[in-house]
Amino acid sequence: MTLPSPALSRRRLFAGLGLAVTCFPLPTFAQPRSAADDGFRVLRAYQNTIALPGRGPTPIWRYDAMEPLRIKRGEELRVRLINDLPEPTAIHWHGVRLPNAMDGVPHLTQSPAAPGASFEYRFRAPDAGTFWFHPAGNASAQIGRGLRGSLIVEESTPVAVDRDVLLLLEDWPGAPGTPITVNGAADVELAVRSNERLRLRLINAAVARALVLRFERHAPRVVAIDGQPAEPFVARDGRVALAPGNRVDLFLDLALRAGERAAILLEDGSGERLIARLAYAGEPARAAPLGEPKPLPPNALPERLDLRGAAQHDAALDTFAPLTAPLHERAPLFSVRRGRVVVLAVVNRTEHSQSVHLHGHHVRLLDRLDDGWKPYWLDTLTIAARQTDRVAFLADNPGKWLIEAQALRDGETRTGAWFAVT
């Protein structure tokens, strides 16, 4: 997510946020995910082929199905990863505040699954929201080969929408133009009806690309960011921006007539490209549009953080080590007692913007001019080149936690450091 300047209002900032979806056509290479007799869902990592725009059939690595994993808030997720790849791999559950042993960082929190071996993940999801999963640590380069999937944690009480739709946005480094696919395809068509309300879940699963989407003739309303509810607001000019790893949930009220179409466009430096379209057909869902939506139910994060007496630490991104190195052999960036508030200054002395992801915790972005904070939670943020931003969080999740950084430029090595909550 691009960080705001102090002069930007909250609504102008959020007008540039991003999107995701759940009822989508499965790609042709998808295979059904099976369940073991002991209640574990079997998730196989294997090699397959995808037809990439401008490149044609391309060998990739995939999990064995593209449909999202779904559980209820508080429900236990049991996943058995089977590694059919030629190298070790592990799964990081991006944005989920889970036990440290399940975080999937090779050698720091677990041993990765060797070729032909398996690893069992088992945890309860404390927060409802939109999350995703992928390799982390020294296996993070596998993301660009296709190892990406989505995890939807549903609210305990159903949300008042007609349908829940996921758009998983991926890029493919090494292909001409680094194409973007949506749910494994070059573009998708969503069949809709007048006066429906969709919940669109947007995930930017690109390796190192910020994405801006524009919704033609519609007013998307942001209701959650990085899996955490936000006060609903309308995205300015129909534009939503996502940094790598960011997720945004939108409510989209459909007000056109049967037979009409509207595009969802990807904006970049060369113009706009169609990545999805809304195709109206059939009878209206109801006689009149729905009224103003209610906010999503809150998750179990604190309403306020007491910054008095907070532990103050720095994270200088140019001192981070490549994740191909044995990170667990390095000293921690800092250690903090469980239950203490931390204020972390993230310092980017490099010449490129960096996407930074904090494992195991969500943070508040602090205002630059005082000790107030932005009215939303994040687990992934962007630090502009030669800039410093401060975040605050409650260190309530014990263990060894990775902070990983990725320069927003193709070919840059992902780096990281770790901190301990004791």
Protein backbone atom coordinates (compact mmCIF):
# COMPACT_ATOMS: atom_id res chain seq x y z
CA MET A 1 0.00 0.00 0.00
CA THR A 2 1.36 3.43 -0.90
CA LEU A 3 1.86 5.44 2.28
CA PRO A 4 0.04 8.76 2.61
CA SER A 5 1.56 12.16 3.06
CA PRO A 6 0.36 13.96 6.21
CA ALA A 7 -1.79 16.24 4.06
CA LEU A 8 -3.85 13.39 2.62
CA SER A 9 -7.25 12.85 4.17
CA ARG A 10 -8.32 9.35 5.15
CA ARG A 11 -10.84 9.20 2.31
CA ARG A 12 -8.28 10.32 -0.27
CA LEU A 13 -5.85 7.72 1.03
CA PHE A 14 -8.37 4.91 0.91
CA ALA A 15 -9.55 5.95 -2.54
CA GLY A 16 -6.31 4.34 -3.67
CA LEU A 17 -6.75 0.95 -2.04
CA GLY A 18 -7.35 -2.53 -3.65
CA LEU A 19 -9.69 -5.61 -4.16
CA ALA A 20 -10.49 -9.50 -4.02
CA VAL A 21 -13.25 -12.31 -5.00
CA THR A 22 -14.98 -15.82 -4.26
CA CYS A 23 -17.29 -16.99 -7.06
CA PHE A 24 -14.98 -17.34 -10.04
CA PRO A 25 -14.47 -19.79 -12.89
CA LEU A 26 -11.83 -22.36 -11.99
CA PRO A 27 -8.78 -22.50 -14.25
CA THR A 28 -8.49 -25.58 -16.43
CA PHE A 29 -5.56 -26.97 -14.44
CA ALA A 30 -7.44 -26.98 -11.10
CA GLN A 31 -7.91 -30.33 -9.41
CA PRO A 32 -10.23 -31.08 -6.47
CA ARG A 33 -8.71 -30.79 -3.03
CA SER A 34 -9.31 -33.95 -1.02
CA ALA A 35 -9.81 -34.51 2.70
CA ALA A 36 -8.02 -37.13 4.74
CA ASP A 37 -9.88 -39.45 7.12
CA ASP A 38 -8.41 -37.61 10.12
CA GLY A 39 -10.00 -34.29 9.15
CA PHE A 40 -6.97 -32.74 7.43
CA ARG A 41 -7.42 -31.06 4.06
CA VAL A 42 -4.74 -32.32 1.72
CA LEU A 43 -2.92 -29.55 -0.15
CA ARG A 44 -0.39 -30.77 -2.71
CA ALA A 45 2.37 -28.57 -4.16
CA TYR A 46 3.20 -29.76 -7.65
CA GLN A 47 4.27 -28.67 -11.13
CA ASN A 48 1.72 -27.87 -13.84
CA THR A 49 1.24 -25.60 -16.85
CA ILE A 50 -0.60 -22.32 -17.34
CA ALA A 51 -1.22 -20.30 -20.50
CA LEU A 52 0.28 -16.90 -19.71
CA PRO A 53 -0.64 -13.82 -21.78
CA GLY A 54 2.10 -13.14 -24.32
CA ARG A 55 3.95 -16.33 -23.42
CA GLY A 56 1.63 -19.30 -24.00
CA PRO A 57 1.84 -22.59 -22.07
CA THR A 58 4.36 -22.14 -19.25
CA PRO A 59 5.57 -24.59 -16.58
CA ILE A 60 4.58 -23.31 -13.13
CA TRP A 61 4.32 -24.55 -9.57
CA ARG A 62 0.87 -24.68 -8.00
CA TYR A 63 -1.09 -25.89 -5.03
CA ASP A 64 -3.54 -28.51 -6.20
CA ALA A 65 -6.60 -26.26 -6.53
CA MET A 66 -7.29 -22.58 -7.03
CA GLU A 67 -10.54 -22.27 -5.06
CA PRO A 68 -10.01 -20.65 -1.66
CA LEU A 69 -9.76 -22.52 1.60
CA ARG A 70 -12.75 -21.51 3.77
CA ILE A 71 -13.29 -21.76 7.50
CA LYS A 72 -15.36 -19.93 10.12
CA ARG A 73 -13.80 -17.55 12.62
CA GLY A 74 -12.57 -19.57 15.59
CA GLU A 75 -12.74 -22.85 13.65
CA GLU A 76 -9.65 -25.04 13.51
CA LEU A 77 -7.95 -25.29 10.12
CA ARG A 78 -6.14 -28.56 9.45
CA VAL A 79 -4.02 -28.71 6.31
CA ARG A 80 -1.55 -31.43 5.31
CA LEU A 81 0.95 -30.05 2.79
CA ILE A 82 2.36 -32.73 0.49
CA ASN A 83 5.48 -31.59 -1.35
CA ASP A 84 5.71 -33.01 -4.88
CA LEU A 85 8.21 -30.34 -5.92
CA PRO A 86 11.95 -30.91 -6.51
CA GLU A 87 12.96 -28.68 -3.55
CA PRO A 88 11.80 -28.02 0.04
CA THR A 89 8.81 -25.78 0.68
CA ALA A 90 6.62 -24.48 3.50
CA ILE A 91 3.42 -22.41 3.81
CA HIS A 92 3.16 -18.97 5.39
CA TRP A 93 -0.43 -17.94 6.23
CA HIS A 94 -0.15 -14.27 5.33
CA GLY A 95 -1.89 -12.00 7.86
CA VAL A 96 -3.20 -14.75 10.14
CA ARG A 97 -2.36 -14.25 13.83
CA LEU A 98 -1.57 -17.89 14.45
CA PRO A 99 0.78 -19.84 16.76
CA ASN A 100 4.44 -19.29 15.92
CA ALA A 101 5.11 -22.97 15.09
CA MET A 102 2.54 -22.75 12.25
CA ASP A 103 3.96 -19.59 10.62
CA GLY A 104 5.86 -21.51 7.94
CA VAL A 105 9.21 -19.72 7.96
CA PRO A 106 11.89 -22.34 7.16
CA HIS A 107 14.27 -22.95 10.08
CA LEU A 108 13.01 -19.93 12.07
CA THR A 109 9.66 -21.51 13.02
CA GLN A 110 9.68 -24.95 11.34
CA SER A 111 11.67 -27.27 9.12
CA PRO A 112 10.36 -27.10 5.53
CA ALA A 113 8.86 -30.17 3.91
CA ALA A 114 11.51 -31.93 1.83
CA PRO A 115 10.67 -33.25 -1.66
CA GLY A 116 8.26 -36.15 -1.23
CA ALA A 117 7.58 -35.29 2.44
CA SER A 118 4.65 -33.58 4.16
CA PHE A 119 3.95 -31.11 6.97
CA GLU A 120 0.76 -30.65 8.98
CA TYR A 121 -0.62 -27.19 9.79
CA ARG A 122 -3.18 -26.94 12.54
CA PHE A 123 -4.47 -23.71 14.09
CA ARG A 124 -7.59 -21.70 14.92
CA ALA A 125 -8.09 -18.44 13.04
CA PRO A 126 -8.85 -15.65 15.55
CA ASP A 127 -9.93 -13.09 12.94
CA ALA A 128 -12.54 -13.14 10.19
CA GLY A 129 -11.26 -11.70 6.92
CA THR A 130 -9.41 -12.19 3.64
CA PHE A 131 -5.96 -13.81 3.84
CA TRP A 132 -3.65 -15.73 1.52
CA PHE A 133 -0.90 -18.32 1.75
CA HIS A 134 2.46 -18.78 0.06
CA PRO A 135 6.06 -19.85 0.80
CA ALA A 136 8.15 -17.61 3.07
CA GLY A 137 11.73 -17.31 4.24
CA ASN A 138 14.33 -18.84 1.93
CA ALA A 139 11.54 -20.43 -0.13
CA SER A 140 9.89 -17.09 -0.97
CA ALA A 141 11.19 -17.15 -4.58
CA GLN A 142 8.64 -19.93 -5.17
CA ILE A 143 5.84 -17.33 -5.06
CA GLY A 144 6.81 -16.02 -8.49
CA ARG A 145 6.57 -19.56 -9.87
CA GLY A 146 2.92 -19.79 -8.85
CA LEU A 147 2.74 -21.09 -5.25
CA ARG A 148 -0.10 -18.83 -4.08
CA GLY A 149 -3.55 -19.49 -2.65
CA SER A 150 -6.32 -17.77 -0.69
CA LEU A 151 -7.80 -18.32 2.75
CA ILE A 152 -11.23 -16.91 3.60
CA VAL A 153 -12.18 -16.80 7.28
CA GLU A 154 -15.92 -16.17 7.45
CA GLU A 155 -17.65 -14.09 10.11
CA SER A 156 -19.60 -15.93 12.80
CA THR A 157 -22.74 -14.03 11.70
CA PRO A 158 -23.41 -13.98 7.93
CA VAL A 159 -22.73 -10.63 6.23
CA ALA A 160 -25.67 -9.04 4.38
CA VAL A 161 -24.49 -9.48 0.78
CA ASP A 162 -25.91 -11.48 -2.12
CA ARG A 163 -22.63 -13.09 -3.16
CA ASP A 164 -19.02 -13.30 -2.05
CA VAL A 165 -16.46 -13.08 -4.88
CA LEU A 166 -12.66 -13.41 -4.79
CA LEU A 167 -10.18 -11.90 -7.27
CA LEU A 168 -6.67 -13.28 -6.79
CA LEU A 169 -4.26 -11.06 -8.74
CA GLU A 170 -0.88 -12.60 -9.67
CA ASP A 171 2.12 -11.54 -11.70
CA TRP A 172 4.66 -13.76 -13.47
CA PRO A 173 8.26 -12.46 -13.41
CA GLY A 174 10.23 -13.52 -16.45
CA ALA A 175 7.27 -13.45 -18.83
CA PRO A 176 7.17 -10.65 -21.45
CA GLY A 177 5.66 -7.57 -19.83
CA THR A 178 5.27 -9.45 -16.51
CA PRO A 179 1.57 -10.22 -17.16
CA ILE A 180 -1.13 -10.09 -14.51
CA THR A 181 -3.65 -12.92 -14.24
CA VAL A 182 -6.93 -13.00 -12.31
CA ASN A 183 -7.89 -16.31 -10.72
CA GLY A 184 -5.43 -17.98 -13.10
CA ALA A 185 -6.87 -16.39 -16.27
CA ALA A 186 -6.07 -13.34 -18.40
CA ASP A 187 -9.47 -11.86 -17.48
CA VAL A 188 -12.75 -12.99 -15.95
CA GLU A 189 -16.41 -12.20 -16.53
CA LEU A 190 -18.75 -11.94 -13.56
CA ALA A 191 -22.44 -12.51 -14.32
CA VAL A 192 -24.43 -10.09 -12.14
CA ARG A 193 -27.99 -8.80 -11.66
CA SER A 194 -29.32 -5.32 -11.03
CA ASN A 195 -29.67 -4.33 -7.35
CA GLU A 196 -27.34 -7.07 -6.14
CA ARG A 197 -24.68 -6.35 -3.54
CA LEU A 198 -21.39 -8.19 -4.02
CA ARG A 199 -18.60 -8.58 -1.53
CA LEU A 200 -15.43 -8.44 -3.61
CA ARG A 201 -12.28 -9.75 -1.93
CA LEU A 202 -9.15 -8.48 -3.66
CA ILE A 203 -5.71 -10.01 -3.05
CA ASN A 204 -2.53 -8.64 -4.58
CA ALA A 205 -0.41 -11.80 -4.76
CA ALA A 206 2.13 -10.21 -7.11
CA VAL A 207 5.79 -10.59 -6.19
CA ALA A 208 6.89 -6.96 -6.48
CA ARG A 209 4.14 -4.92 -8.17
CA ALA A 210 1.70 -2.41 -6.74
CA LEU A 211 -1.64 -2.59 -8.56
CA VAL A 212 -4.35 0.03 -9.16
CA LEU A 213 -7.81 -1.09 -10.27
CA ARG A 214 -10.53 1.17 -11.65
CA PHE A 215 -14.22 0.21 -11.63
CA GLU A 216 -16.17 1.71 -14.52
CA ARG A 217 -19.60 3.19 -13.68
CA HIS A 218 -19.57 1.80 -10.14
CA ALA A 219 -18.71 3.10 -6.67
CA PRO A 220 -16.82 0.39 -4.73
CA ARG A 221 -17.09 0.79 -0.96
CA VAL A 222 -14.07 -0.30 1.11
CA VAL A 223 -15.13 -2.35 4.18
CA ALA A 224 -11.90 -4.15 5.21
CA ILE A 225 -8.14 -3.81 4.74
CA ASP A 226 -5.60 -6.61 5.26
CA GLY A 227 -8.28 -8.83 6.76
CA GLN A 228 -9.43 -6.30 9.38
CA PRO A 229 -12.76 -4.39 9.24
CA ALA A 230 -12.69 -0.67 8.42
CA GLU A 231 -15.35 2.01 8.59
CA PRO A 232 -17.07 1.74 5.16
CA PHE A 233 -16.20 4.50 2.68
CA VAL A 234 -16.47 4.93 -1.09
CA ALA A 235 -13.24 4.68 -3.11
CA ARG A 236 -12.58 7.96 -4.92
CA ASP A 237 -13.18 7.83 -8.70
CA GLY A 238 -13.74 4.08 -8.43
CA ARG A 239 -10.00 3.46 -7.90
CA VAL A 240 -8.50 0.94 -5.50
CA ALA A 241 -4.72 0.46 -4.99
CA LEU A 242 -2.94 -2.59 -3.56
CA ALA A 243 0.73 -3.08 -2.72
CA PRO A 244 2.11 -6.64 -2.89
CA GLY A 245 0.49 -8.73 -0.15
CA ASN A 246 -2.34 -6.26 0.55
CA ARG A 247 -5.97 -7.32 0.63
CA VAL A 248 -9.07 -5.14 0.41
CA ASP A 249 -12.71 -6.16 0.80
CA LEU A 250 -15.27 -4.10 -1.11
CA PHE A 251 -19.04 -3.90 -1.19
CA LEU A 252 -20.19 -3.30 -4.76
CA ASP A 253 -23.81 -2.27 -5.36
CA LEU A 254 -24.89 -3.14 -8.92
CA ALA A 255 -27.10 -0.43 -10.43
CA LEU A 256 -26.97 -0.99 -14.21
CA ARG A 257 -29.60 -2.79 -16.32
CA ALA A 258 -29.71 -6.23 -17.91
CA GLY A 259 -27.58 -6.33 -21.06
CA GLU A 260 -25.13 -3.66 -19.87
CA ARG A 261 -21.47 -4.26 -19.07
CA ALA A 262 -18.84 -2.48 -17.03
CA ALA A 263 -15.09 -3.03 -16.99
CA ILE A 264 -12.68 -3.51 -14.11
CA LEU A 265 -9.43 -2.07 -15.43
CA LEU A 266 -5.81 -2.42 -14.34
CA GLU A 267 -3.96 0.89 -14.54
CA ASP A 268 -0.22 1.09 -15.16
CA GLY A 269 2.27 3.46 -16.71
CA SER A 270 1.26 2.51 -20.25
CA GLY A 271 -2.50 2.95 -19.80
CA GLU A 272 -5.32 0.61 -18.78
CA ARG A 273 -5.99 -3.07 -19.42
CA LEU A 274 -9.21 -5.00 -18.98
CA ILE A 275 -8.84 -7.71 -16.32
CA ALA A 276 -12.51 -8.35 -15.44
CA ARG A 277 -15.98 -7.26 -16.47
CA LEU A 278 -19.41 -7.11 -14.87
CA ALA A 279 -22.02 -8.57 -17.24
CA TYR A 280 -25.62 -7.75 -16.29
CA ALA A 281 -28.30 -10.32 -17.15
CA GLY A 282 -31.62 -11.67 -15.89
CA GLU A 283 -34.18 -10.13 -13.57
CA PRO A 284 -33.14 -7.66 -10.85
CA ALA A 285 -32.21 -9.21 -7.52
CA ARG A 286 -34.77 -6.94 -5.79
CA ALA A 287 -37.04 -4.03 -6.63
CA ALA A 288 -34.74 -1.34 -5.20
CA PRO A 289 -31.08 -1.08 -4.15
CA LEU A 290 -30.05 -1.93 -0.61
CA GLY A 291 -29.43 0.89 1.87
CA GLU A 292 -26.18 1.98 3.48
CA PRO A 293 -24.15 -1.07 4.59
CA LYS A 294 -23.23 -1.69 8.20
CA PRO A 295 -19.56 -2.09 9.14
CA LEU A 296 -18.24 -5.64 9.32
CA PRO A 297 -18.17 -7.18 12.81
CA PRO A 298 -14.96 -6.26 14.66
CA ASN A 299 -12.16 -8.74 15.27
CA ALA A 300 -10.32 -9.24 18.55
CA LEU A 301 -7.76 -6.44 18.15
CA PRO A 302 -7.49 -3.68 20.78
CA GLU A 303 -9.44 -0.50 20.16
CA ARG A 304 -6.54 1.60 21.42
CA LEU A 305 -2.80 1.24 22.02
CA ASP A 306 -1.20 2.98 24.99
CA LEU A 307 1.99 4.44 23.54
CA ARG A 308 3.21 5.70 26.90
CA GLY A 309 6.09 3.50 27.91
CA ALA A 310 6.04 1.61 24.61
CA ALA A 311 9.22 -0.24 23.61
CA GLN A 312 10.96 1.83 20.91
CA HIS A 313 12.89 -0.02 18.19
CA ASP A 314 14.23 0.59 14.66
CA ALA A 315 14.15 -1.66 11.60
CA ALA A 316 16.61 -0.41 8.96
CA LEU A 317 15.74 -2.23 5.74
CA ASP A 318 19.24 -1.91 4.26
CA THR A 319 20.56 -4.07 7.13
CA PHE A 320 18.15 -6.93 6.42
CA ALA A 321 19.68 -10.18 5.14
CA PRO A 322 18.63 -12.02 1.96
CA LEU A 323 16.09 -14.70 2.82
CA THR A 324 18.27 -17.22 1.01
CA ALA A 325 20.69 -16.89 3.96
CA PRO A 326 20.28 -18.84 7.25
CA LEU A 327 18.32 -16.07 8.94
CA HIS A 328 17.82 -18.06 12.15
CA GLU A 329 21.57 -17.89 12.81
CA ARG A 330 21.45 -14.08 13.06
CA ALA A 331 20.64 -12.27 16.30
CA PRO A 332 17.08 -10.93 16.64
CA LEU A 333 16.36 -7.36 15.64
CA PHE A 334 14.87 -6.91 19.12
CA SER A 335 13.17 -8.86 21.90
CA VAL A 336 10.09 -7.75 23.83
CA ARG A 337 7.99 -9.12 26.64
CA ARG A 338 4.57 -10.45 25.70
CA GLY A 339 1.80 -7.91 26.23
CA ARG A 340 3.94 -4.81 25.67
CA VAL A 341 3.20 -2.18 23.04
CA VAL A 342 6.00 -1.69 20.48
CA VAL A 343 6.65 1.41 18.38
CA LEU A 344 8.78 0.40 15.41
CA ALA A 345 10.48 2.91 13.12
CA VAL A 346 10.87 1.28 9.69
CA VAL A 347 13.76 3.03 7.94
CA ASN A 348 14.16 2.73 4.18
CA ARG A 349 17.53 4.15 3.14
CA THR A 350 17.39 2.42 -0.26
CA GLU A 351 16.53 3.98 -3.62
CA HIS A 352 13.35 1.91 -4.10
CA SER A 353 10.03 1.67 -2.33
CA GLN A 354 9.79 -1.44 -0.18
CA SER A 355 6.82 -3.59 0.74
CA VAL A 356 7.22 -4.71 4.36
CA HIS A 357 5.27 -7.57 5.97
CA LEU A 358 5.20 -8.16 9.73
CA HIS A 359 4.43 -11.76 10.70
CA GLY A 360 2.10 -12.74 13.52
CA HIS A 361 0.79 -9.23 14.26
CA HIS A 362 -1.22 -6.34 12.84
CA VAL A 363 0.00 -2.75 13.18
CA ARG A 364 -1.32 0.79 13.27
CA LEU A 365 0.44 3.26 10.99
CA LEU A 366 1.40 6.27 13.13
CA ASP A 367 0.95 9.83 11.91
CA ARG A 368 4.22 11.54 11.10
CA LEU A 369 3.40 14.77 12.91
CA ASP A 370 2.15 13.36 16.23
CA ASP A 371 1.50 10.07 18.00
CA GLY A 372 -1.96 9.53 16.55
CA TRP A 373 -2.56 6.68 14.14
CA LYS A 374 -4.45 5.94 10.96
CA PRO A 375 -7.90 4.39 11.53
CA TYR A 376 -7.12 0.97 10.09
CA TRP A 377 -4.93 -2.07 10.78
CA LEU A 378 -2.25 -3.40 8.41
CA ASP A 379 0.02 -6.41 8.22
CA THR A 380 1.75 -5.22 5.02
CA LEU A 381 2.78 -1.65 4.24
CA THR A 382 4.91 0.23 1.74
CA ILE A 383 7.83 2.44 2.79
CA ALA A 384 8.80 4.94 0.12
CA ALA A 385 12.44 5.32 -0.92
CA ARG A 386 14.53 7.33 1.54
CA GLN A 387 11.62 7.54 3.99
CA THR A 388 10.91 6.40 7.54
CA ASP A 389 7.49 5.42 8.85
CA ARG A 390 6.50 4.33 12.32
CA VAL A 391 4.03 1.65 13.29
CA ALA A 392 2.69 0.51 16.66
CA PHE A 393 1.47 -2.93 17.67
CA LEU A 394 0.67 -5.03 20.70
CA ALA A 395 3.26 -7.81 21.00
CA ASP A 396 0.78 -10.40 22.24
CA ASN A 397 1.83 -13.39 20.12
CA PRO A 398 4.87 -15.23 21.58
CA GLY A 399 7.59 -16.65 19.36
CA LYS A 400 10.19 -15.75 16.73
CA TRP A 401 8.60 -13.55 14.07
CA LEU A 402 9.88 -12.57 10.63
CA ILE A 403 9.80 -9.06 9.18
CA GLU A 404 10.27 -9.43 5.43
CA ALA A 405 10.87 -6.73 2.84
CA GLN A 406 10.59 -6.72 -0.95
CA ALA A 407 11.77 -3.87 -3.18
CA LEU A 408 9.04 -2.89 -5.65
CA ARG A 409 11.17 -3.77 -8.65
CA ASP A 410 11.48 -7.02 -10.59
CA GLY A 411 14.54 -9.12 -9.85
CA GLU A 412 15.20 -7.75 -6.35
CA THR A 413 15.95 -10.29 -3.62
CA ARG A 414 13.51 -10.53 -0.72
CA THR A 415 15.18 -9.71 2.61
CA GLY A 416 14.30 -10.06 6.27
CA ALA A 417 15.07 -9.86 9.96
CA TRP A 418 13.30 -11.32 12.96
CA PHE A 419 12.16 -10.29 16.42
CA ALA A 420 11.21 -12.27 19.52
CA VAL A 421 8.17 -12.00 21.77
CA THR A 422 8.93 -13.78 25.05
